[in-house]
Each structure stands twice: as structure tokens, then as C-alpha cells.
Amino acid sequence: MLNEMGAKQCLEHASGGVVEKFRHYIHYGSLLFHVDQFIGRHAPLVVIELEHEDPASITRKMLPIWVGKEVTGNRNYNNVAIAQR
């Protein structure tokens, strides 16, 4: 956990603007989704992350209908790229 001084140092080295988001955790069957709901200037962007020990075993049929296209590896959706927009 950062203290106030550490947080100020991080902000000095930030490469873009501030990314504001709420993180939600949603259990769906045996899966746990991390849902980042961006607010402020990045709204209405929502990015869903699924961590799994065997990602290749996950099929589309296992996912809820609110899961959209796969963006893994797409640098446009990492926090640094989002902050620079």
C-alpha cells in the first residue's frame, strides 16, 4: 500500500492522465470476472478480465452473454494506453 509520499512520487512519473474506474468482482459459475467500469473522461468503457489457470479450456458457451470480444494482447486496452487518451 502506498503512503502519501509514495503516491506523489508515482504521480510525478505518470505518463498520461488519471484513469478513474470502479472494479467489480462477479462470480459466474466457477469463473471469477474482474470488471473495470471506467468513469470520467473514459466512460462508458468497460473492460472485463478473466484469470484462469487454463485459459484454453474456456469456451464461448461458458461465458455470460455480457462478455464481448477478446482484447487480450491489444495494447489499446491497457491502463497506460487508456490514460494517454
PDB file of N, CA and C in Angstrom:
ATOM      1  N   MET A   1       0.844  -1.175   0.000  1.00  0.00           N
ATOM      2  CA  MET A   1       0.000   0.000   0.000  1.00  0.00           C
ATOM      3  C   MET A   1       0.893   1.242   0.000  1.00  0.00           C
ATOM      4  N   LEU A   2       0.521   2.212  -0.823  1.00  0.00           N
ATOM      5  CA  LEU A   2       1.314   3.432  -0.920  1.00  0.00           C
ATOM      6  C   LEU A   2       0.943   4.414   0.181  1.00  0.00           C
ATOM      7  N   ASN A   3       1.962   5.075   0.706  1.00  0.00           N
ATOM      8  CA  ASN A   3       1.675   6.192   1.601  1.00  0.00           C
ATOM      9  C   ASN A   3       1.566   7.452   0.741  1.00  0.00           C
ATOM     10  N   GLU A   4       1.284   8.588   1.368  1.00  0.00           N
ATOM     11  CA  GLU A   4       1.084   9.826   0.608  1.00  0.00           C
ATOM     12  C   GLU A   4       2.317  10.207  -0.202  1.00  0.00           C
ATOM     13  N   MET A   5       3.505  10.062   0.370  1.00  0.00           N
ATOM     14  CA  MET A   5       4.738  10.405  -0.334  1.00  0.00           C
ATOM     15  C   MET A   5       4.934   9.489  -1.542  1.00  0.00           C
ATOM     16  N   GLY A   6       4.725   8.192  -1.362  1.00  0.00           N
ATOM     17  CA  GLY A   6       4.870   7.244  -2.461  1.00  0.00           C
ATOM     18  C   GLY A   6       3.883   7.523  -3.579  1.00  0.00           C
ATOM     19  N   ALA A   7       2.672   7.886  -3.218  1.00  0.00           N
ATOM     20  CA  ALA A   7       1.653   8.202  -4.220  1.00  0.00           C
ATOM     21  C   ALA A   7       2.051   9.438  -5.020  1.00  0.00           C
ATOM     22  N   LYS A   8       2.592  10.448  -4.348  1.00  0.00           N
ATOM     23  CA  LYS A   8       3.030  11.667  -5.045  1.00  0.00           C
ATOM     24  C   LYS A   8       4.167  11.358  -6.012  1.00  0.00           C
ATOM     25  N   GLN A   9       5.093  10.494  -5.609  1.00  0.00           N
ATOM     26  CA  GLN A   9       6.201  10.122  -6.490  1.00  0.00           C
ATOM     27  C   GLN A   9       5.684   9.366  -7.709  1.00  0.00           C
ATOM     28  N   CYS A  10       4.717   8.503  -7.518  1.00  0.00           N
ATOM     29  CA  CYS A  10       4.128   7.781  -8.654  1.00  0.00           C
ATOM     30  C   CYS A  10       3.486   8.751  -9.627  1.00  0.00           C
ATOM     31  N   LEU A  11       2.756   9.738  -9.111  1.00  0.00           N
ATOM     32  CA  LEU A  11       2.098  10.708  -9.978  1.00  0.00           C
ATOM     33  C   LEU A  11       3.108  11.533 -10.767  1.00  0.00           C
ATOM     34  N   GLU A  12       4.271  11.827 -10.167  1.00  0.00           N
ATOM     35  CA  GLU A  12       5.299  12.585 -10.874  1.00  0.00           C
ATOM     36  C   GLU A  12       5.822  11.827 -12.084  1.00  0.00           C
ATOM     37  N   HIS A  13       5.798  10.514 -12.036  1.00  0.00           N
ATOM     38  CA  HIS A  13       6.321   9.692 -13.129  1.00  0.00           C
ATOM     39  C   HIS A  13       5.228   9.175 -14.061  1.00  0.00           C
ATOM     40  N   ALA A  14       4.000   9.566 -13.808  1.00  0.00           N
ATOM     41  CA  ALA A  14       2.888   9.101 -14.635  1.00  0.00           C
ATOM     42  C   ALA A  14       3.063   9.607 -16.066  1.00  0.00           C
ATOM     43  N   SER A  15       2.716   8.758 -17.022  1.00  0.00           N
ATOM     44  CA  SER A  15       2.931   9.100 -18.426  1.00  0.00           C
ATOM     45  C   SER A  15       1.681   9.646 -19.103  1.00  0.00           C
ATOM     46  N   GLY A  16       0.600   9.720 -18.404  1.00  0.00           N
ATOM     47  CA  GLY A  16      -0.638  10.205 -19.012  1.00  0.00           C
ATOM     48  C   GLY A  16      -1.539  10.772 -17.943  1.00  0.00           C
ATOM     49  N   GLY A  17      -2.799  10.835 -18.259  1.00  0.00           N
ATOM     50  CA  GLY A  17      -3.765  11.342 -17.302  1.00  0.00           C
ATOM     51  C   GLY A  17      -4.147  10.268 -16.292  1.00  0.00           C
ATOM     52  N   VAL A  18      -5.040  10.646 -15.432  1.00  0.00           N
ATOM     53  CA  VAL A  18      -5.521   9.737 -14.403  1.00  0.00           C
ATOM     54  C   VAL A  18      -6.612   8.851 -14.992  1.00  0.00           C
ATOM     55  N   VAL A  19      -6.558   7.569 -14.681  1.00  0.00           N
ATOM     56  CA  VAL A  19      -7.598   6.627 -15.081  1.00  0.00           C
ATOM     57  C   VAL A  19      -8.477   6.407 -13.863  1.00  0.00           C
ATOM     58  N   GLU A  20      -9.757   6.737 -14.022  1.00  0.00           N
ATOM     59  CA  GLU A  20     -10.706   6.533 -12.933  1.00  0.00           C
ATOM     60  C   GLU A  20     -11.614   5.370 -13.300  1.00  0.00           C
ATOM     61  N   LYS A  21     -11.760   4.445 -12.356  1.00  0.00           N
ATOM     62  CA  LYS A  21     -12.615   3.299 -12.633  1.00  0.00           C
ATOM     63  C   LYS A  21     -13.075   2.677 -11.329  1.00  0.00           C
ATOM     64  N   PHE A  22     -14.162   1.958 -11.444  1.00  0.00           N
ATOM     65  CA  PHE A  22     -14.636   1.114 -10.357  1.00  0.00           C
ATOM     66  C   PHE A  22     -14.319  -0.319 -10.762  1.00  0.00           C
ATOM     67  N   ARG A  23     -13.866  -1.119  -9.826  1.00  0.00           N
ATOM     68  CA  ARG A  23     -13.636  -2.534 -10.105  1.00  0.00           C
ATOM     69  C   ARG A  23     -14.714  -3.334  -9.390  1.00  0.00           C
ATOM     70  N   HIS A  24     -15.348  -4.193 -10.162  1.00  0.00           N
ATOM     71  CA  HIS A  24     -16.376  -5.081  -9.632  1.00  0.00           C
ATOM     72  C   HIS A  24     -15.877  -6.512  -9.801  1.00  0.00           C
ATOM     73  N   TYR A  25     -16.265  -7.375  -8.896  1.00  0.00           N
ATOM     74  CA  TYR A  25     -15.940  -8.796  -8.994  1.00  0.00           C
ATOM     75  C   TYR A  25     -17.251  -9.547  -9.149  1.00  0.00           C
ATOM     76  N   ILE A  26     -17.334 -10.337 -10.213  1.00  0.00           N
ATOM     77  CA  ILE A  26     -18.565 -11.058 -10.498  1.00  0.00           C
ATOM     78  C   ILE A  26     -18.252 -12.544 -10.626  1.00  0.00           C
ATOM     79  N   HIS A  27     -18.917 -13.333  -9.801  1.00  0.00           N
ATOM     80  CA  HIS A  27     -18.812 -14.789  -9.900  1.00  0.00           C
ATOM     81  C   HIS A  27     -19.891 -15.263 -10.867  1.00  0.00           C
ATOM     82  N   TYR A  28     -19.478 -16.081 -11.816  1.00  0.00           N
ATOM     83  CA  TYR A  28     -20.413 -16.665 -12.781  1.00  0.00           C
ATOM     84  C   TYR A  28     -20.040 -18.132 -12.901  1.00  0.00           C
ATOM     85  N   GLY A  29     -20.852 -18.993 -12.323  1.00  0.00           N
ATOM     86  CA  GLY A  29     -20.485 -20.406 -12.250  1.00  0.00           C
ATOM     87  C   GLY A  29     -19.197 -20.528 -11.457  1.00  0.00           C
ATOM     88  N   SER A  30     -18.233 -21.219 -12.014  1.00  0.00           N
ATOM     89  CA  SER A  30     -16.940 -21.382 -11.339  1.00  0.00           C
ATOM     90  C   SER A  30     -15.933 -20.296 -11.731  1.00  0.00           C
ATOM     91  N   LEU A  31     -16.357 -19.347 -12.539  1.00  0.00           N
ATOM     92  CA  LEU A  31     -15.460 -18.304 -13.043  1.00  0.00           C
ATOM     93  C   LEU A  31     -15.581 -17.025 -12.222  1.00  0.00           C
ATOM     94  N   LEU A  32     -14.467 -16.305 -12.098  1.00  0.00           N
ATOM     95  CA  LEU A  32     -14.457 -15.013 -11.429  1.00  0.00           C
ATOM     96  C   LEU A  32     -14.000 -13.957 -12.425  1.00  0.00           C
ATOM     97  N   PHE A  33     -14.861 -12.976 -12.665  1.00  0.00           N
ATOM     98  CA  PHE A  33     -14.573 -11.892 -13.585  1.00  0.00           C
ATOM     99  C   PHE A  33     -14.210 -10.638 -12.807  1.00  0.00           C
ATOM    100  N   HIS A  34     -13.206  -9.909 -13.287  1.00  0.00           N
ATOM    101  CA  HIS A  34     -12.844  -8.595 -12.772  1.00  0.00           C
ATOM    102  C   HIS A  34     -13.380  -7.608 -13.810  1.00  0.00           C
ATOM    103  N   VAL A  35     -14.321  -6.800 -13.413  1.00  0.00           N
ATOM    104  CA  VAL A  35     -14.965  -5.879 -14.341  1.00  0.00           C
ATOM    105  C   VAL A  35     -14.544  -4.453 -13.980  1.00  0.00           C
ATOM    106  N   ASP A  36     -13.833  -3.804 -14.895  1.00  0.00           N
ATOM    107  CA  ASP A  36     -13.415  -2.418 -14.700  1.00  0.00           C
ATOM    108  C   ASP A  36     -14.379  -1.516 -15.454  1.00  0.00           C
ATOM    109  N   GLN A  37     -15.115  -0.713 -14.695  1.00  0.00           N
ATOM    110  CA  GLN A  37     -16.066   0.246 -15.247  1.00  0.00           C
ATOM    111  C   GLN A  37     -15.411   1.620 -15.171  1.00  0.00           C
ATOM    112  N   PHE A  38     -15.007   2.138 -16.315  1.00  0.00           N
ATOM    113  CA  PHE A  38     -14.301   3.410 -16.354  1.00  0.00           C
ATOM    114  C   PHE A  38     -15.289   4.554 -16.206  1.00  0.00           C
ATOM    115  N   ILE A  39     -14.852   5.581 -15.484  1.00  0.00           N
ATOM    116  CA  ILE A  39     -15.694   6.751 -15.258  1.00  0.00           C
ATOM    117  C   ILE A  39     -14.933   7.985 -15.725  1.00  0.00           C
ATOM    118  N   GLY A  40     -15.552   9.136 -15.590  1.00  0.00           N
ATOM    119  CA  GLY A  40     -14.894  10.361 -16.028  1.00  0.00           C
ATOM    120  C   GLY A  40     -14.762  10.384 -17.535  1.00  0.00           C
ATOM    121  N   ARG A  41     -13.634  10.849 -18.020  1.00  0.00           N
ATOM    122  CA  ARG A  41     -13.467  11.028 -19.465  1.00  0.00           C
ATOM    123  C   ARG A  41     -13.393   9.721 -20.244  1.00  0.00           C
ATOM    124  N   HIS A  42     -13.207   8.589 -19.564  1.00  0.00           N
ATOM    125  CA  HIS A  42     -13.119   7.304 -20.259  1.00  0.00           C
ATOM    126  C   HIS A  42     -14.437   6.524 -20.266  1.00  0.00           C
ATOM    127  N   ALA A  43     -15.453   7.070 -19.624  1.00  0.00           N
ATOM    128  CA  ALA A  43     -16.771   6.432 -19.652  1.00  0.00           C
ATOM    129  C   ALA A  43     -17.293   6.458 -21.079  1.00  0.00           C
ATOM    130  N   PRO A  44     -17.994   5.480 -21.510  1.00  0.00           N
ATOM    131  CA  PRO A  44     -18.560   4.335 -20.817  1.00  0.00           C
ATOM    132  C   PRO A  44     -17.762   3.049 -21.004  1.00  0.00           C
ATOM    133  N   LEU A  45     -16.453   3.128 -21.151  1.00  0.00           N
ATOM    134  CA  LEU A  45     -15.626   1.943 -21.381  1.00  0.00           C
ATOM    135  C   LEU A  45     -15.738   0.964 -20.213  1.00  0.00           C
ATOM    136  N   VAL A  46     -15.911  -0.312 -20.550  1.00  0.00           N
ATOM    137  CA  VAL A  46     -15.921  -1.390 -19.566  1.00  0.00           C
ATOM    138  C   VAL A  46     -15.004  -2.484 -20.090  1.00  0.00           C
ATOM    139  N   VAL A  47     -14.060  -2.912 -19.255  1.00  0.00           N
ATOM    140  CA  VAL A  47     -13.143  -3.990 -19.628  1.00  0.00           C
ATOM    141  C   VAL A  47     -13.321  -5.114 -18.622  1.00  0.00           C
ATOM    142  N   ILE A  48     -13.510  -6.318 -19.142  1.00  0.00           N
ATOM    143  CA  ILE A  48     -13.725  -7.485 -18.300  1.00  0.00           C
ATOM    144  C   ILE A  48     -12.501  -8.379 -18.395  1.00  0.00           C
ATOM    145  N   GLU A  49     -12.001  -8.786 -17.252  1.00  0.00           N
ATOM    146  CA  GLU A  49     -10.809  -9.635 -17.201  1.00  0.00           C
ATOM    147  C   GLU A  49     -11.174 -10.952 -16.531  1.00  0.00           C
ATOM    148  N   LEU A  50     -10.723 -12.023 -17.113  1.00  0.00           N
ATOM    149  CA  LEU A  50     -10.945 -13.352 -16.548  1.00  0.00           C
ATOM    150  C   LEU A  50      -9.594 -14.022 -16.391  1.00  0.00           C
ATOM    151  N   GLU A  51      -9.216 -14.270 -15.155  1.00  0.00           N
ATOM    152  CA  GLU A  51      -7.982 -15.004 -14.879  1.00  0.00           C
ATOM    153  C   GLU A  51      -8.362 -16.473 -14.725  1.00  0.00           C
ATOM    154  N   HIS A  52      -7.618 -17.342 -15.384  1.00  0.00           N
ATOM    155  CA  HIS A  52      -7.919 -18.767 -15.293  1.00  0.00           C
ATOM    156  C   HIS A  52      -6.632 -19.557 -15.473  1.00  0.00           C
ATOM    157  N   GLU A  53      -6.503 -20.650 -14.731  1.00  0.00           N
ATOM    158  CA  GLU A  53      -5.267 -21.439 -14.811  1.00  0.00           C
ATOM    159  C   GLU A  53      -5.099 -22.111 -16.165  1.00  0.00           C
ATOM    160  N   ASP A  54      -6.202 -22.331 -16.879  1.00  0.00           N
ATOM    161  CA  ASP A  54      -6.134 -22.949 -18.202  1.00  0.00           C
ATOM    162  C   ASP A  54      -7.046 -22.192 -19.167  1.00  0.00           C
ATOM    163  N   PRO A  55      -6.604 -21.011 -19.638  1.00  0.00           N
ATOM    164  CA  PRO A  55      -7.466 -20.187 -20.493  1.00  0.00           C
ATOM    165  C   PRO A  55      -7.960 -20.903 -21.749  1.00  0.00           C
ATOM    166  N   ALA A  56      -7.160 -21.816 -22.272  1.00  0.00           N
ATOM    167  CA  ALA A  56      -7.557 -22.534 -23.488  1.00  0.00           C
ATOM    168  C   ALA A  56      -8.774 -23.425 -23.257  1.00  0.00           C
ATOM    169  N   SER A  57      -9.070 -23.739 -22.009  1.00  0.00           N
ATOM    170  CA  SER A  57     -10.211 -24.599 -21.704  1.00  0.00           C
ATOM    171  C   SER A  57     -11.541 -23.845 -21.661  1.00  0.00           C
ATOM    172  N   ILE A  58     -11.487 -22.510 -21.687  1.00  0.00           N
ATOM    173  CA  ILE A  58     -12.702 -21.700 -21.623  1.00  0.00           C
ATOM    174  C   ILE A  58     -13.307 -21.603 -23.024  1.00  0.00           C
ATOM    175  N   THR A  59     -14.558 -21.985 -23.141  1.00  0.00           N
ATOM    176  CA  THR A  59     -15.266 -21.887 -24.417  1.00  0.00           C
ATOM    177  C   THR A  59     -16.255 -20.728 -24.357  1.00  0.00           C
ATOM    178  N   ARG A  60     -16.657 -20.256 -25.508  1.00  0.00           N
ATOM    179  CA  ARG A  60     -17.625 -19.147 -25.571  1.00  0.00           C
ATOM    180  C   ARG A  60     -18.921 -19.515 -24.851  1.00  0.00           C
ATOM    181  N   LYS A  61     -19.313 -20.770 -24.928  1.00  0.00           N
ATOM    182  CA  LYS A  61     -20.558 -21.213 -24.283  1.00  0.00           C
ATOM    183  C   LYS A  61     -20.491 -21.109 -22.765  1.00  0.00           C
ATOM    184  N   MET A  62     -19.280 -21.101 -22.211  1.00  0.00           N
ATOM    185  CA  MET A  62     -19.112 -20.999 -20.764  1.00  0.00           C
ATOM    186  C   MET A  62     -19.254 -19.558 -20.268  1.00  0.00           C
ATOM    187  N   LEU A  63     -19.198 -18.599 -21.180  1.00  0.00           N
ATOM    188  CA  LEU A  63     -19.187 -17.186 -20.806  1.00  0.00           C
ATOM    189  C   LEU A  63     -20.597 -16.599 -20.827  1.00  0.00           C
ATOM    190  N   PRO A  64     -20.854 -15.642 -19.944  1.00  0.00           N
ATOM    191  CA  PRO A  64     -22.158 -14.970 -19.969  1.00  0.00           C
ATOM    192  C   PRO A  64     -22.295 -14.107 -21.228  1.00  0.00           C
ATOM    193  N   ILE A  65     -23.521 -13.759 -21.573  1.00  0.00           N
ATOM    194  CA  ILE A  65     -23.762 -13.008 -22.815  1.00  0.00           C
ATOM    195  C   ILE A  65     -23.185 -11.600 -22.771  1.00  0.00           C
ATOM    196  N   TRP A  66     -22.917 -11.059 -21.570  1.00  0.00           N
ATOM    197  CA  TRP A  66     -22.395  -9.701 -21.472  1.00  0.00           C
ATOM    198  C   TRP A  66     -20.888  -9.613 -21.711  1.00  0.00           C
ATOM    199  N   VAL A  67     -20.236 -10.741 -21.970  1.00  0.00           N
ATOM    200  CA  VAL A  67     -18.806 -10.723 -22.320  1.00  0.00           C
ATOM    201  C   VAL A  67     -18.693 -10.471 -23.819  1.00  0.00           C
ATOM    202  N   GLY A  68     -17.972  -9.431 -24.179  1.00  0.00           N
ATOM    203  CA  GLY A  68     -17.816  -9.045 -25.582  1.00  0.00           C
ATOM    204  C   GLY A  68     -16.604  -9.685 -26.226  1.00  0.00           C
ATOM    205  N   LYS A  69     -16.018  -8.966 -27.176  1.00  0.00           N
ATOM    206  CA  LYS A  69     -14.901  -9.506 -27.953  1.00  0.00           C
ATOM    207  C   LYS A  69     -13.630  -9.613 -27.107  1.00  0.00           C
ATOM    208  N   GLU A  70     -12.792 -10.519 -27.487  1.00  0.00           N
ATOM    209  CA  GLU A  70     -11.500 -10.753 -26.824  1.00  0.00           C
ATOM    210  C   GLU A  70     -10.527  -9.630 -27.190  1.00  0.00           C
ATOM    211  N   VAL A  71      -9.910  -9.012 -26.172  1.00  0.00           N
ATOM    212  CA  VAL A  71      -8.939  -7.945 -26.436  1.00  0.00           C
ATOM    213  C   VAL A  71      -7.587  -8.238 -25.787  1.00  0.00           C
ATOM    214  N   THR A  72      -7.389  -9.467 -25.327  1.00  0.00           N
ATOM    215  CA  THR A  72      -6.105  -9.832 -24.742  1.00  0.00           C
ATOM    216  C   THR A  72      -4.991  -9.544 -25.741  1.00  0.00           C
ATOM    217  N   GLY A  73      -3.956  -8.869 -25.283  1.00  0.00           N
ATOM    218  CA  GLY A  73      -2.828  -8.535 -26.150  1.00  0.00           C
ATOM    219  C   GLY A  73      -3.024  -7.256 -26.950  1.00  0.00           C
ATOM    220  N   ASN A  74      -4.226  -6.698 -26.937  1.00  0.00           N
ATOM    221  CA  ASN A  74      -4.488  -5.450 -27.645  1.00  0.00           C
ATOM    222  C   ASN A  74      -4.076  -4.303 -26.726  1.00  0.00           C
ATOM    223  N   ARG A  75      -2.996  -3.656 -27.057  1.00  0.00           N
ATOM    224  CA  ARG A  75      -2.431  -2.610 -26.192  1.00  0.00           C
ATOM    225  C   ARG A  75      -3.342  -1.400 -26.029  1.00  0.00           C
ATOM    226  N   ASN A  76      -4.337  -1.260 -26.882  1.00  0.00           N
ATOM    227  CA  ASN A  76      -5.281  -0.146 -26.754  1.00  0.00           C
ATOM    228  C   ASN A  76      -6.090  -0.218 -25.462  1.00  0.00           C
ATOM    229  N   TYR A  77      -6.127  -1.379 -24.846  1.00  0.00           N
ATOM    230  CA  TYR A  77      -6.948  -1.566 -23.662  1.00  0.00           C
ATOM    231  C   TYR A  77      -6.144  -1.684 -22.365  1.00  0.00           C
ATOM    232  N   ASN A  78      -4.847  -1.419 -22.388  1.00  0.00           N
ATOM    233  CA  ASN A  78      -4.133  -1.422 -21.104  1.00  0.00           C
ATOM    234  C   ASN A  78      -4.237  -0.032 -20.486  1.00  0.00           C
ATOM    235  N   ASN A  79      -4.019   0.047 -19.185  1.00  0.00           N
ATOM    236  CA  ASN A  79      -4.230   1.302 -18.452  1.00  0.00           C
ATOM    237  C   ASN A  79      -3.353   2.442 -18.962  1.00  0.00           C
ATOM    238  N   VAL A  80      -2.141   2.157 -19.390  1.00  0.00           N
ATOM    239  CA  VAL A  80      -1.265   3.217 -19.894  1.00  0.00           C
ATOM    240  C   VAL A  80      -1.851   3.830 -21.165  1.00  0.00           C
ATOM    241  N   ALA A  81      -2.295   2.991 -22.085  1.00  0.00           N
ATOM    242  CA  ALA A  81      -2.871   3.498 -23.325  1.00  0.00           C
ATOM    243  C   ALA A  81      -4.158   4.271 -23.059  1.00  0.00           C
ATOM    244  N   ILE A  82      -4.961   3.762 -22.144  1.00  0.00           N
ATOM    245  CA  ILE A  82      -6.210   4.453 -21.812  1.00  0.00           C
ATOM    246  C   ILE A  82      -5.906   5.808 -21.172  1.00  0.00           C
ATOM    247  N   ALA A  83      -4.921   5.863 -20.286  1.00  0.00           N
ATOM    248  CA  ALA A  83      -4.569   7.125 -19.615  1.00  0.00           C
ATOM    249  C   ALA A  83      -4.068   8.167 -20.608  1.00  0.00           C
ATOM    250  N   GLN A  84      -3.460   7.740 -21.692  1.00  0.00           N
ATOM    251  CA  GLN A  84      -2.901   8.692 -22.654  1.00  0.00           C
ATOM    252  C   GLN A  84      -3.938   9.227 -23.638  1.00  0.00           C
ATOM    253  N   ARG A  85      -5.130   8.691 -23.591  1.00  0.00           N
ATOM    254  CA  ARG A  85      -6.198   9.183 -24.480  1.00  0.00           C
ATOM    255  C   ARG A  85      -6.829  10.425 -23.910  1.00  0.00           C
TER     256      ARG A  85
END
